[in-house]
Structures are given as structure tokens and as C-alpha cells.
Amino acid sequence: MHSVDPATEQMIRSVLAYAEERLRLDPVPLDGGPRDPAELGAALQGMLNDRGNDPDQVLGVYAATLAPAVISADSPRYLGFIPAAPTKAALLFDMLVSCASIQGISWLEAAGAIQAENQVLRLIADRAGLPATAGGCFVSGGSAGNLSALVVAREVAKRNAGPAAAGRRWRAAVGTDAHSSIISTLRILEMDALTVRTDDHQLTGDALRAAIEADGDPSSVAAVVATSGTTNAGIIDDLAGVAAVAKTRNLWFHVDGAYGGAGLFAPSVRRAYDGIENADSFIVDPHKWLFAPFDCAALIYRDPSLARSVHKQDASYLDVIHDDPAEWNPADYAYHLTRRARGLPLWFSLAVHGIAAYADAIEAAIGLARQAAAEIRSRDYLELIREPDLSVVLFRRRGWSGEEYTRWADQLLSDQVAFMPPSAWEGETVARFAFLHPHTPMDLVRRILDRMA
């Protein structure tokens, strides 16, 4: 074993020192906001050149110019979109995974990493009530998970329909609040959406049944996609009712739990997920509400052999990884081939902290959402739009225009109080809390609401 050269040694020390300083921040600040592209371009002028640069100089440019132009999604003040709150354990182990250059394609290359990842997938599958035979892999995010699952749904529908349906344009039934990635996925797959409209934004079994019965071409529907925690409002669809219709119609039942699926670990809301045990495929993003680093999504199939029959790639140089059917190759269960072992940091963090700590952290966000809703109801200038199902709270400031919401949100970020961009509800600009970080204080919520008075 040779030691590294002095220049590399210094680079290691500098980068690790910067990482250690970042890891010790408690709480993590918001750090920044958008910057003028010309300003950032000028700061990076000449950085990529033939000779290279001193590593400390490059790190200095990053620390002084680039990092302040990035809003920290793991800050307890990040309350927009869907935040993140990776544990220190997960962040540290993510560094280890990168340093070890783990290639998580196959059992041949990464049996140890895959065994640990599969242990986490088994934990999630058990919480969802899926059978012991369920399994899958970790992918980059909800969009990749939804795409991979619906590819399988389409191909299974083709096989079931046989040659008589050759050339048919397949469809998937979706609710009006399905995530944008579902619509994008259908477009990529040359499928169409049968959009089931409901008055309260929740996809129900009754509404799905009525929509299919009223449709002129029900045989073209291959799948139904339900959501366990919509991104904008945190609504959990009627999973049991939708599952019953899917079973009667022999439709693939996919559950998009990218944000809200983590609620399976929270006893206070677990009953709302009843029916998910009937899913043919299910996703949840640990980089959202299971406190893992970006990017990490768990994709689980009821019958992984169906997914393998669709996604397994055949090539002469890959034959060796398929010699033993008992070995688990993550590359066989999604559209990817190359992949990092992105489930390992979650495994390490769960093993360090314990499952109960995860349940407590998820319950903390749910509790904060309920407290925030009560605070909003107590202020006559505010109006709660709907009671929170999970950890998203939608509300309006009476009498405000869209421009006033934008000015308010911009000032919150400028003052480093919070990142909380406006959202929309039924065509109207509204305010939205997205709670996820277990250490976001209620005092911060009150301070934000005070600024709307």
C-alpha cells in the first residue's frame, strides 16, 4: 500500500475539514438563495483550464461563492417544496459509500451492500404489509421509481391482452392530484391518463369505478396509480377502495408514496394506509421523510419476477452476473444499469438510531402540522384550507393577492427566516407549510405567521 502524495494529502485534509464543519452545524442555516447567473459565471471564470488549480483555491471558490447560492434543504427553516433532514449518521456513511466507489449493480460486485439494502427494503415492505416474496431496489428518486414500475405495468398488460391488442394505446387511471412525474412517465411510455376527478382531491374506489364504467374504452386501462401523501396537500388516497377496483378489473395497482409513504412508520396515521398491502408496486423516497441523503428512492414490487422479466438487460458481458438465479441484482428491477448503493446510508442510520427513533421523528412533523393548523385557525386574518392528513398545511391570508404572497415569501428568504414559496390550490395562490425536519420549532411557525398580519 502506498501513501498518497503530499498534494493529495492536503486536499483530503481540506475537504474533510470542510465536511466536518458542515456536519457540525446545528441547526443548519438556510445558507442562501438564487444569484445572478452573470455573477456566478464571473466567479467561475477560468476555473476549468489545462493546468488545473490548487485544491484549496477551488474549495475556497466553492465555499465563498457557490455554497452561499444553494438553499439548504436540510435546514429546519426549509419549509417549501418537500424538505430533507438526513441524519448525521446517514450523511457520514454516504461519504464512505462514495469513498469506497461501490458499484451496486450486481450481487457479484456488491453482495454485502445489496444484502444491507435488501434488509431495508424488507423493513419497508413489512410496514406496507406486502408479502415475504416482495422486493425491489433503490433508485434515484420518485420519478425513476414511478417510471420503472409503470413500464412493468404496461408490459404485463400487453402480455395479458395477447396478440389481439397489438398496437393498442394503453392508459393508466390517475387522480387529479397525482404527481407531475406520473404524467411525465405516461408521456414517455406513450400511454395516456384516464383522469378521475373528485370534489375533495382524494382518489376513491367509488370514483375510480364510476370513471371506468363511464369510459368508452375501459379495456385500454392497464394500471391505476394512487398516492399515499400528495405533494401539494399531503392527501392519502382511498387505497383500500382503489385496490378493490384494481383487483376486480385486473389492473396493475401502483402506489406513489414518494413523500408520504414514510407515514407507514407513524402509528398515529398508519390506518390511513390500509389497502397498500394490495399494491403491485410501491415507492417511497427516503431522501424525503426517512432522513437519508439525496438521492434515494425505494422501489418495491409484490412480484419482483415480473419486474425482472421486463428490466433485465441481456448482453454478453453481463451473462456472468446472471449465472445464479438466487443472486439479487438491483439492475434487474428498474430501467437503470449503473447505480450507486444509495440504500446503504439509510441502512447505517436505521441500524445506529433504531426504528423507534424514526417513528418518533415522523410523528414530530405530523404533530407540528397539527399545531400549526390550530395556530392558523386562531388568527382571524388567516384561513386553514383543509385539515392536514400528514405534515403539509395549506392556508390562505385573507385578502392577499398572488403578488403579496410572493413578496412575503421573498422577504422571509432574504431575512433568512424561512424558505417557504407560495403554492396554488384550485387556481388560487396560497401559503403552504411542508414540515419534515423533526427539530423545526413552533416558535418559528408563529414568527412566520406574524409576518402575515
Protein backbone atom coordinates (compact mmCIF):
# COMPACT_ATOMS: atom_id res chain seq x y z
CA MET A 1 0.00 0.00 0.00
CA HIS A 2 1.46 3.34 -0.98
CA SER A 3 0.66 6.54 0.87
CA VAL A 4 -0.80 9.40 -1.15
CA ASP A 5 1.40 12.22 -2.36
CA PRO A 6 1.62 15.43 -0.26
CA ALA A 7 -0.71 17.41 -2.54
CA THR A 8 -3.42 14.75 -2.32
CA GLU A 9 -2.87 14.51 1.44
CA GLN A 10 -3.51 18.26 1.77
CA MET A 11 -6.61 18.03 -0.41
CA ILE A 12 -8.00 15.23 1.75
CA ARG A 13 -7.40 17.25 4.90
CA SER A 14 -9.02 20.39 3.47
CA VAL A 15 -12.12 18.69 2.11
CA LEU A 16 -12.64 16.60 5.25
CA ALA A 17 -12.23 19.70 7.40
CA TYR A 18 -14.87 21.50 5.36
CA ALA A 19 -17.17 18.46 5.57
CA GLU A 20 -16.65 18.20 9.33
CA GLU A 21 -17.51 21.88 9.78
CA ARG A 22 -20.69 21.42 7.74
CA LEU A 23 -21.68 18.31 9.68
CA ARG A 24 -21.25 20.12 12.99
CA LEU A 25 -23.71 22.89 12.08
CA ASP A 26 -26.67 22.65 14.44
CA PRO A 27 -29.09 23.85 13.35
CA VAL A 28 -28.22 24.01 9.67
CA PRO A 29 -28.81 27.54 8.33
CA LEU A 30 -30.72 28.23 5.13
CA ASP A 31 -27.40 29.44 3.71
CA GLY A 32 -28.53 31.35 0.66
CA GLY A 33 -30.80 31.86 -2.27
CA PRO A 34 -30.73 32.45 -6.01
CA ARG A 35 -27.94 34.56 -7.51
CA ASP A 36 -27.44 36.42 -10.78
CA PRO A 37 -26.11 33.92 -13.37
CA ALA A 38 -23.63 36.55 -14.60
CA GLU A 39 -22.24 36.97 -11.09
CA LEU A 40 -21.74 33.23 -10.66
CA GLY A 41 -20.30 32.90 -14.15
CA ALA A 42 -17.75 35.60 -13.43
CA ALA A 43 -16.70 33.88 -10.20
CA LEU A 44 -16.04 30.63 -12.06
CA GLN A 45 -14.23 32.25 -14.98
CA GLY A 46 -11.07 30.33 -15.78
CA MET A 47 -11.60 27.58 -13.21
CA LEU A 48 -11.60 24.88 -15.89
CA ASN A 49 -8.25 25.15 -17.63
CA ASP A 50 -5.44 22.99 -18.96
CA ARG A 51 -3.19 23.35 -15.91
CA GLY A 52 -5.67 22.77 -13.12
CA ASN A 53 -5.81 24.73 -9.85
CA ASP A 54 -4.70 24.39 -6.27
CA PRO A 55 -7.39 22.31 -4.49
CA ASP A 56 -7.64 24.79 -1.62
CA GLN A 57 -8.29 27.57 -4.12
CA VAL A 58 -11.07 25.56 -5.77
CA LEU A 59 -12.56 24.69 -2.40
CA GLY A 60 -12.39 28.35 -1.47
CA VAL A 61 -14.38 29.33 -4.58
CA TYR A 62 -16.99 26.76 -3.70
CA ALA A 63 -17.23 27.85 -0.06
CA ALA A 64 -17.27 31.58 -0.80
CA THR A 65 -19.35 31.70 -3.96
CA LEU A 66 -21.19 28.52 -4.83
CA ALA A 67 -22.33 27.24 -1.43
CA PRO A 68 -23.99 30.56 -0.47
CA ALA A 69 -26.03 30.29 -3.67
CA VAL A 70 -27.56 26.98 -2.55
CA ILE A 71 -30.51 26.82 -0.15
CA SER A 72 -30.00 24.06 2.41
CA ALA A 73 -32.91 21.62 2.13
CA ASP A 74 -31.84 20.06 5.44
CA SER A 75 -32.36 23.26 7.41
CA PRO A 76 -35.28 23.26 9.89
CA ARG A 77 -36.19 26.59 8.24
CA TYR A 78 -36.66 24.93 4.84
CA LEU A 79 -40.46 24.64 4.72
CA GLY A 80 -41.12 24.71 0.97
CA PHE A 81 -41.50 22.00 -1.66
CA ILE A 82 -40.58 18.81 0.24
CA PRO A 83 -37.60 19.32 2.59
CA ALA A 84 -34.93 16.88 3.68
CA ALA A 85 -33.40 16.11 7.04
CA PRO A 86 -30.72 13.45 6.66
CA THR A 87 -29.24 12.21 9.91
CA LYS A 88 -25.57 12.82 10.59
CA ALA A 89 -25.12 9.04 10.53
CA ALA A 90 -26.59 8.82 7.03
CA LEU A 91 -24.51 11.73 5.75
CA LEU A 92 -21.29 10.27 7.11
CA PHE A 93 -21.99 6.86 5.66
CA ASP A 94 -22.85 8.42 2.30
CA MET A 95 -19.28 9.77 2.27
CA LEU A 96 -18.00 6.27 2.98
CA VAL A 97 -20.03 4.79 0.13
CA SER A 98 -18.57 7.38 -2.24
CA CYS A 99 -15.02 6.90 -0.98
CA ALA A 100 -15.30 3.13 -1.50
CA SER A 101 -16.56 3.58 -5.09
CA ILE A 102 -19.24 0.95 -4.56
CA GLN A 103 -20.88 -0.10 -7.81
CA GLY A 104 -24.24 -1.52 -6.78
CA ILE A 105 -25.34 -3.22 -10.00
CA SER A 106 -24.99 -6.88 -9.14
CA TRP A 107 -24.53 -9.44 -6.39
CA LEU A 108 -21.22 -10.39 -8.00
CA GLU A 109 -19.78 -6.93 -7.36
CA ALA A 110 -21.59 -5.78 -4.24
CA ALA A 111 -23.19 -8.65 -2.34
CA GLY A 112 -22.57 -7.06 1.05
CA ALA A 113 -24.04 -3.70 0.07
CA ILE A 114 -27.06 -5.31 -1.62
CA GLN A 115 -27.76 -7.52 1.41
CA ALA A 116 -27.93 -4.43 3.62
CA GLU A 117 -30.09 -2.55 1.11
CA ASN A 118 -32.46 -5.50 0.85
CA GLN A 119 -32.79 -5.59 4.62
CA VAL A 120 -34.12 -2.02 4.49
CA LEU A 121 -36.44 -2.83 1.56
CA ARG A 122 -37.77 -5.78 3.58
CA LEU A 123 -38.45 -3.46 6.53
CA ILE A 124 -40.43 -1.06 4.33
CA ALA A 125 -42.30 -3.90 2.62
CA ASP A 126 -43.25 -5.33 6.01
CA ARG A 127 -44.60 -1.96 7.14
CA ALA A 128 -46.71 -1.85 3.99
CA GLY A 129 -47.96 -5.40 4.62
CA LEU A 130 -46.54 -6.75 1.37
CA PRO A 131 -45.78 -10.49 1.17
CA ALA A 132 -42.46 -12.04 2.11
CA THR A 133 -41.68 -12.51 -1.57
CA ALA A 134 -41.79 -8.74 -2.26
CA GLY A 135 -38.59 -6.98 -3.24
CA GLY A 136 -37.02 -4.39 -5.47
CA CYS A 137 -34.16 -1.93 -5.41
CA PHE A 138 -33.17 1.62 -4.66
CA VAL A 139 -33.35 4.14 -7.49
CA SER A 140 -32.58 7.85 -7.74
CA GLY A 141 -35.98 9.28 -6.87
CA GLY A 142 -39.74 9.10 -7.21
CA SER A 143 -39.70 9.87 -10.92
CA ALA A 144 -37.34 6.94 -11.60
CA GLY A 145 -39.39 4.67 -9.37
CA ASN A 146 -42.71 5.58 -10.97
CA LEU A 147 -41.26 5.14 -14.45
CA SER A 148 -39.74 1.76 -13.68
CA ALA A 149 -42.93 0.45 -12.07
CA LEU A 150 -45.26 1.64 -14.81
CA VAL A 151 -43.05 0.13 -17.51
CA VAL A 152 -43.73 -3.21 -15.83
CA ALA A 153 -47.45 -2.43 -15.58
CA ARG A 154 -47.66 -1.70 -19.30
CA GLU A 155 -45.73 -4.81 -20.32
CA VAL A 156 -47.81 -7.04 -18.06
CA ALA A 157 -50.98 -5.60 -19.62
CA LYS A 158 -49.61 -6.34 -23.09
CA ARG A 159 -48.86 -9.96 -22.16
CA ASN A 160 -52.28 -10.44 -20.59
CA ALA A 161 -54.05 -8.97 -23.61
CA GLY A 162 -52.17 -11.09 -26.13
CA PRO A 163 -51.71 -10.51 -29.87
CA ALA A 164 -55.26 -9.21 -30.33
CA ALA A 165 -54.27 -6.00 -28.53
CA ALA A 166 -51.13 -5.35 -30.59
CA GLY A 167 -50.70 -1.63 -31.24
CA ARG A 168 -53.19 -0.63 -28.54
CA ARG A 169 -52.59 2.70 -26.83
CA TRP A 170 -52.57 1.86 -23.14
CA ARG A 171 -53.74 4.12 -20.31
CA ALA A 172 -53.43 4.50 -16.55
CA ALA A 173 -56.14 5.80 -14.26
CA VAL A 174 -54.89 8.62 -12.03
CA GLY A 175 -56.32 11.16 -9.62
CA THR A 176 -56.31 14.88 -10.27
CA ASP A 177 -53.57 15.38 -7.67
CA ALA A 178 -51.21 12.70 -8.98
CA HIS A 179 -47.60 13.86 -9.02
CA SER A 180 -46.31 15.53 -12.17
CA SER A 181 -43.84 12.67 -12.63
CA ILE A 182 -46.75 10.31 -13.27
CA ILE A 183 -47.95 12.38 -16.20
CA SER A 184 -44.39 12.69 -17.49
CA THR A 185 -43.92 8.93 -17.16
CA LEU A 186 -47.08 8.21 -19.15
CA ARG A 187 -45.87 10.52 -21.90
CA ILE A 188 -42.50 8.74 -22.03
CA LEU A 189 -44.25 5.35 -22.18
CA GLU A 190 -46.66 6.55 -24.87
CA MET A 191 -49.56 5.97 -22.53
CA ASP A 192 -52.48 8.26 -21.74
CA ALA A 193 -54.12 9.24 -18.48
CA LEU A 194 -57.70 8.47 -17.54
CA THR A 195 -58.06 11.30 -15.03
CA VAL A 196 -60.55 10.57 -12.27
CA ARG A 197 -61.98 13.83 -10.95
CA THR A 198 -63.22 14.16 -7.37
CA ASP A 199 -64.52 17.08 -5.37
CA ASP A 200 -62.15 16.67 -2.41
CA HIS A 201 -58.89 15.84 -4.28
CA GLN A 202 -58.83 12.25 -2.98
CA LEU A 203 -58.94 9.37 -5.45
CA THR A 204 -61.58 6.93 -4.17
CA GLY A 205 -62.64 3.47 -5.21
CA ASP A 206 -66.16 4.67 -5.99
CA ALA A 207 -64.92 7.50 -8.22
CA LEU A 208 -62.49 5.16 -9.99
CA ARG A 209 -65.19 2.57 -10.61
CA ALA A 210 -67.59 5.17 -11.98
CA ALA A 211 -64.93 6.67 -14.27
CA ILE A 212 -64.01 3.29 -15.75
CA GLU A 213 -67.65 2.26 -16.22
CA ALA A 214 -68.39 5.56 -17.98
CA ASP A 215 -65.33 5.33 -20.19
CA GLY A 216 -65.66 4.34 -23.81
CA ASP A 217 -62.60 2.09 -23.87
CA PRO A 218 -62.09 0.52 -20.42
CA SER A 219 -60.06 -2.38 -21.81
CA SER A 220 -57.23 0.04 -22.63
CA VAL A 221 -56.68 0.83 -18.93
CA ALA A 222 -53.62 -1.11 -17.79
CA ALA A 223 -52.98 0.36 -14.35
CA VAL A 224 -54.23 2.64 -11.64
CA VAL A 225 -51.94 4.96 -9.70
CA ALA A 226 -52.89 6.01 -6.19
CA THR A 227 -50.98 8.43 -4.00
CA SER A 228 -50.14 7.97 -0.34
CA GLY A 229 -49.44 11.60 0.52
CA THR A 230 -49.88 14.09 -2.32
CA THR A 231 -47.01 16.55 -2.61
CA ASN A 232 -49.10 19.71 -2.50
CA ALA A 233 -51.52 18.81 0.30
CA GLY A 234 -50.41 15.51 1.85
CA ILE A 235 -53.64 13.69 0.95
CA ILE A 236 -53.74 9.89 1.15
CA ASP A 237 -55.98 8.33 -1.47
CA ASP A 238 -58.58 5.68 -0.65
CA LEU A 239 -56.06 2.89 -1.08
CA ALA A 240 -58.39 0.08 0.01
CA GLY A 241 -61.18 1.20 -2.31
CA VAL A 242 -58.84 1.71 -5.26
CA ALA A 243 -57.21 -1.67 -4.63
CA ALA A 244 -60.59 -3.40 -4.72
CA VAL A 245 -61.43 -1.89 -8.11
CA ALA A 246 -57.97 -2.74 -9.45
CA LYS A 247 -58.40 -6.36 -8.38
CA THR A 248 -61.85 -6.65 -9.95
CA ARG A 249 -60.61 -5.14 -13.21
CA ASN A 250 -57.27 -6.97 -13.20
CA LEU A 251 -55.37 -3.65 -13.23
CA TRP A 252 -51.84 -3.12 -12.01
CA PHE A 253 -52.09 -1.19 -8.71
CA HIS A 254 -49.20 1.23 -8.16
CA VAL A 255 -48.88 3.42 -5.08
CA ASP A 256 -46.79 6.58 -5.26
CA GLY A 257 -45.65 7.23 -1.72
CA ALA A 258 -42.60 9.28 -2.63
CA TYR A 259 -43.25 11.86 0.09
CA GLY A 260 -45.95 10.41 2.32
CA GLY A 261 -45.15 6.71 2.27
CA ALA A 262 -42.88 7.18 5.27
CA GLY A 263 -46.03 7.70 7.33
CA LEU A 264 -46.28 3.91 7.39
CA PHE A 265 -43.85 4.14 10.32
CA ALA A 266 -46.11 6.55 12.29
CA PRO A 267 -48.69 4.76 14.46
CA SER A 268 -50.96 7.82 14.57
CA VAL A 269 -51.70 7.67 10.83
CA ARG A 270 -50.98 4.05 9.89
CA ARG A 271 -54.66 3.17 9.40
CA ALA A 272 -54.90 5.74 6.60
CA TYR A 273 -52.66 3.46 4.51
CA ASP A 274 -54.92 0.42 4.73
CA GLY A 275 -55.07 -1.15 1.29
CA ILE A 276 -51.44 -0.53 0.42
CA GLU A 277 -50.79 -4.19 1.19
CA ASN A 278 -52.55 -4.96 -2.11
CA ALA A 279 -50.18 -2.86 -4.22
CA ASP A 280 -48.37 -4.45 -7.14
CA SER A 281 -45.67 -1.79 -6.81
CA PHE A 282 -44.92 0.92 -4.30
CA ILE A 283 -42.34 3.69 -3.93
CA VAL A 284 -41.14 5.86 -1.06
CA ASP A 285 -38.27 8.35 -1.11
CA PRO A 286 -36.05 8.01 1.98
CA HIS A 287 -34.33 11.27 0.96
CA LYS A 288 -37.60 12.93 1.93
CA TRP A 289 -39.18 11.67 5.14
CA LEU A 290 -36.87 8.81 6.09
CA PHE A 291 -33.90 11.04 6.78
CA ALA A 292 -31.49 9.80 4.11
CA PRO A 293 -29.28 11.92 1.83
CA PHE A 294 -30.18 12.73 -1.76
CA ASP A 295 -30.75 10.76 -3.91
CA CYS A 296 -32.60 7.71 -2.65
CA ALA A 297 -35.94 6.10 -3.52
CA ALA A 298 -37.14 2.64 -2.56
CA LEU A 299 -38.99 0.76 -5.31
CA ILE A 300 -40.76 -2.41 -4.19
CA TYR A 301 -42.75 -4.95 -6.21
CA ARG A 302 -45.22 -7.52 -4.93
CA ASP A 303 -43.84 -9.98 -7.51
CA PRO A 304 -40.26 -8.99 -8.36
CA SER A 305 -40.04 -11.70 -11.02
CA LEU A 306 -42.41 -9.67 -13.21
CA ALA A 307 -40.14 -6.64 -12.93
CA ARG A 308 -37.08 -8.75 -13.66
CA SER A 309 -38.68 -10.14 -16.80
CA VAL A 310 -39.11 -6.57 -18.05
CA HIS A 311 -35.97 -4.80 -16.85
CA LYS A 312 -33.24 -7.46 -17.00
CA GLN A 313 -30.65 -6.42 -19.58
CA ASP A 314 -29.06 -9.10 -21.74
CA ALA A 315 -25.53 -8.59 -23.04
CA SER A 316 -22.57 -10.91 -23.41
CA TYR A 317 -20.54 -9.07 -20.79
CA LEU A 318 -23.47 -9.27 -18.33
CA ASP A 319 -24.02 -13.01 -18.61
CA VAL A 320 -21.74 -13.65 -15.65
CA ILE A 321 -23.96 -11.72 -13.23
CA HIS A 322 -26.97 -13.84 -14.17
CA ASP A 323 -25.36 -17.26 -13.72
CA ASP A 324 -27.04 -17.89 -10.36
CA PRO A 325 -30.80 -17.05 -10.30
CA ALA A 326 -30.72 -16.94 -6.50
CA GLU A 327 -28.46 -13.88 -6.51
CA TRP A 328 -30.16 -10.47 -6.35
CA ASN A 329 -29.09 -7.93 -8.96
CA PRO A 330 -30.63 -4.44 -8.43
CA ALA A 331 -30.02 -3.69 -12.10
CA ASP A 332 -32.79 -6.19 -12.93
CA TYR A 333 -35.59 -4.29 -11.21
CA ALA A 334 -35.53 -0.80 -12.73
CA TYR A 335 -34.59 0.87 -16.01
CA HIS A 336 -31.06 1.59 -14.75
CA LEU A 337 -27.86 -0.40 -15.05
CA THR A 338 -25.11 1.55 -13.31
CA ARG A 339 -26.18 2.62 -9.83
CA ARG A 340 -24.60 3.63 -6.57
CA ALA A 341 -25.53 1.72 -3.43
CA ARG A 342 -27.76 4.57 -2.35
CA GLY A 343 -29.64 2.50 0.24
CA LEU A 344 -26.56 1.93 2.40
CA PRO A 345 -26.62 5.30 4.23
CA LEU A 346 -30.25 4.64 5.22
CA TRP A 347 -29.34 1.17 6.43
CA PHE A 348 -26.49 2.53 8.55
CA SER A 349 -28.66 5.27 10.06
CA LEU A 350 -31.51 2.88 10.86
CA ALA A 351 -29.06 0.46 12.46
CA VAL A 352 -27.49 3.26 14.53
CA HIS A 353 -30.65 5.07 15.67
CA GLY A 354 -33.26 2.31 15.69
CA ILE A 355 -36.67 2.14 14.05
CA ALA A 356 -38.43 3.73 17.03
CA ALA A 357 -36.40 6.92 16.65
CA TYR A 358 -37.53 7.14 13.03
CA ALA A 359 -41.16 6.72 14.06
CA ASP A 360 -40.75 9.47 16.67
CA ALA A 361 -39.19 11.84 14.13
CA ILE A 362 -42.01 11.28 11.63
CA GLU A 363 -44.61 11.77 14.35
CA ALA A 364 -42.90 15.05 15.31
CA ALA A 365 -43.60 16.52 11.87
CA ILE A 366 -47.20 15.29 11.94
CA GLY A 367 -47.67 16.84 15.37
CA LEU A 368 -46.15 20.12 14.23
CA ALA A 369 -48.55 20.25 11.29
CA ARG A 370 -51.49 19.82 13.65
CA GLN A 371 -50.19 22.54 15.96
CA ALA A 372 -49.66 24.86 13.01
CA ALA A 373 -53.21 24.21 11.80
CA ALA A 374 -54.55 25.10 15.24
CA GLU A 375 -52.47 28.29 15.28
CA ILE A 376 -53.80 29.27 11.86
CA ARG A 377 -57.40 28.71 12.99
CA SER A 378 -56.79 31.00 15.96
CA ARG A 379 -55.85 34.00 13.77
CA ASP A 380 -58.77 35.81 12.15
CA TYR A 381 -56.70 37.08 9.21
CA LEU A 382 -55.81 33.51 8.19
CA GLU A 383 -57.89 30.62 6.91
CA LEU A 384 -57.00 26.94 7.06
CA ILE A 385 -57.84 25.37 3.69
CA ARG A 386 -58.02 21.77 4.93
CA GLU A 387 -57.05 19.78 7.97
CA PRO A 388 -53.62 18.20 7.42
CA ASP A 389 -53.58 14.44 6.80
CA LEU A 390 -49.80 14.27 7.21
CA SER A 391 -47.27 17.10 7.53
CA VAL A 392 -48.36 19.58 4.84
CA VAL A 393 -50.53 22.55 5.84
CA LEU A 394 -52.33 24.66 3.24
CA PHE A 395 -53.73 28.03 4.28
CA ARG A 396 -54.53 31.46 2.94
CA ARG A 397 -54.07 35.03 4.10
CA ARG A 398 -57.47 36.64 3.68
CA GLY A 399 -57.47 39.40 1.07
CA TRP A 400 -53.98 38.80 -0.32
CA SER A 401 -53.13 38.74 -4.00
CA GLY A 402 -50.57 36.44 -5.57
CA GLU A 403 -48.05 39.28 -5.62
CA GLU A 404 -48.41 39.80 -1.87
CA TYR A 405 -47.69 36.12 -1.19
CA THR A 406 -44.59 36.36 -3.37
CA ARG A 407 -43.29 39.49 -1.62
CA TRP A 408 -43.87 37.87 1.77
CA ALA A 409 -42.04 34.67 0.77
CA ASP A 410 -39.16 36.59 -0.82
CA GLN A 411 -38.69 38.64 2.35
CA LEU A 412 -38.72 35.51 4.52
CA LEU A 413 -35.86 34.09 2.47
CA SER A 414 -33.97 37.38 2.27
CA ASP A 415 -34.10 37.70 6.06
CA GLN A 416 -33.10 34.00 6.41
CA VAL A 417 -36.23 33.35 8.43
CA ALA A 418 -37.55 30.55 6.24
CA PHE A 419 -37.77 29.17 2.73
CA MET A 420 -41.49 28.93 2.07
CA PRO A 421 -42.51 29.75 -1.51
CA PRO A 422 -46.24 30.09 -2.26
CA SER A 423 -48.22 27.26 -3.79
CA ALA A 424 -51.58 27.06 -5.55
CA TRP A 425 -54.89 25.46 -4.64
CA GLU A 426 -57.80 25.27 -7.05
CA GLY A 427 -56.33 28.06 -9.14
CA GLU A 428 -55.64 30.39 -6.20
CA THR A 429 -52.25 31.39 -4.77
CA VAL A 430 -51.97 30.13 -1.18
CA ALA A 431 -49.37 29.57 1.53
CA ARG A 432 -48.05 26.13 2.40
CA PHE A 433 -46.02 24.68 5.24
CA ALA A 434 -44.16 21.45 4.39
CA PHE A 435 -42.95 20.07 7.70
CA LEU A 436 -40.41 17.26 7.74
CA HIS A 437 -37.48 18.25 9.93
CA PRO A 438 -38.16 16.96 13.47
CA HIS A 439 -36.46 20.00 15.02
CA THR A 440 -38.43 22.79 13.34
CA PRO A 441 -39.69 24.81 16.33
CA MET A 442 -43.27 26.00 16.77
CA ASP A 443 -41.89 29.44 17.64
CA LEU A 444 -40.62 29.70 14.06
CA VAL A 445 -44.10 28.89 12.77
CA ARG A 446 -45.59 31.69 14.87
CA ARG A 447 -42.93 34.11 13.69
CA ILE A 448 -43.75 33.30 10.06
CA LEU A 449 -47.47 33.75 10.63
CA ASP A 450 -46.87 37.03 12.47
CA ARG A 451 -45.34 38.40 9.28
CA MET A 452 -48.66 37.93 7.50
CA ALA A 453 -50.61 40.14 9.92
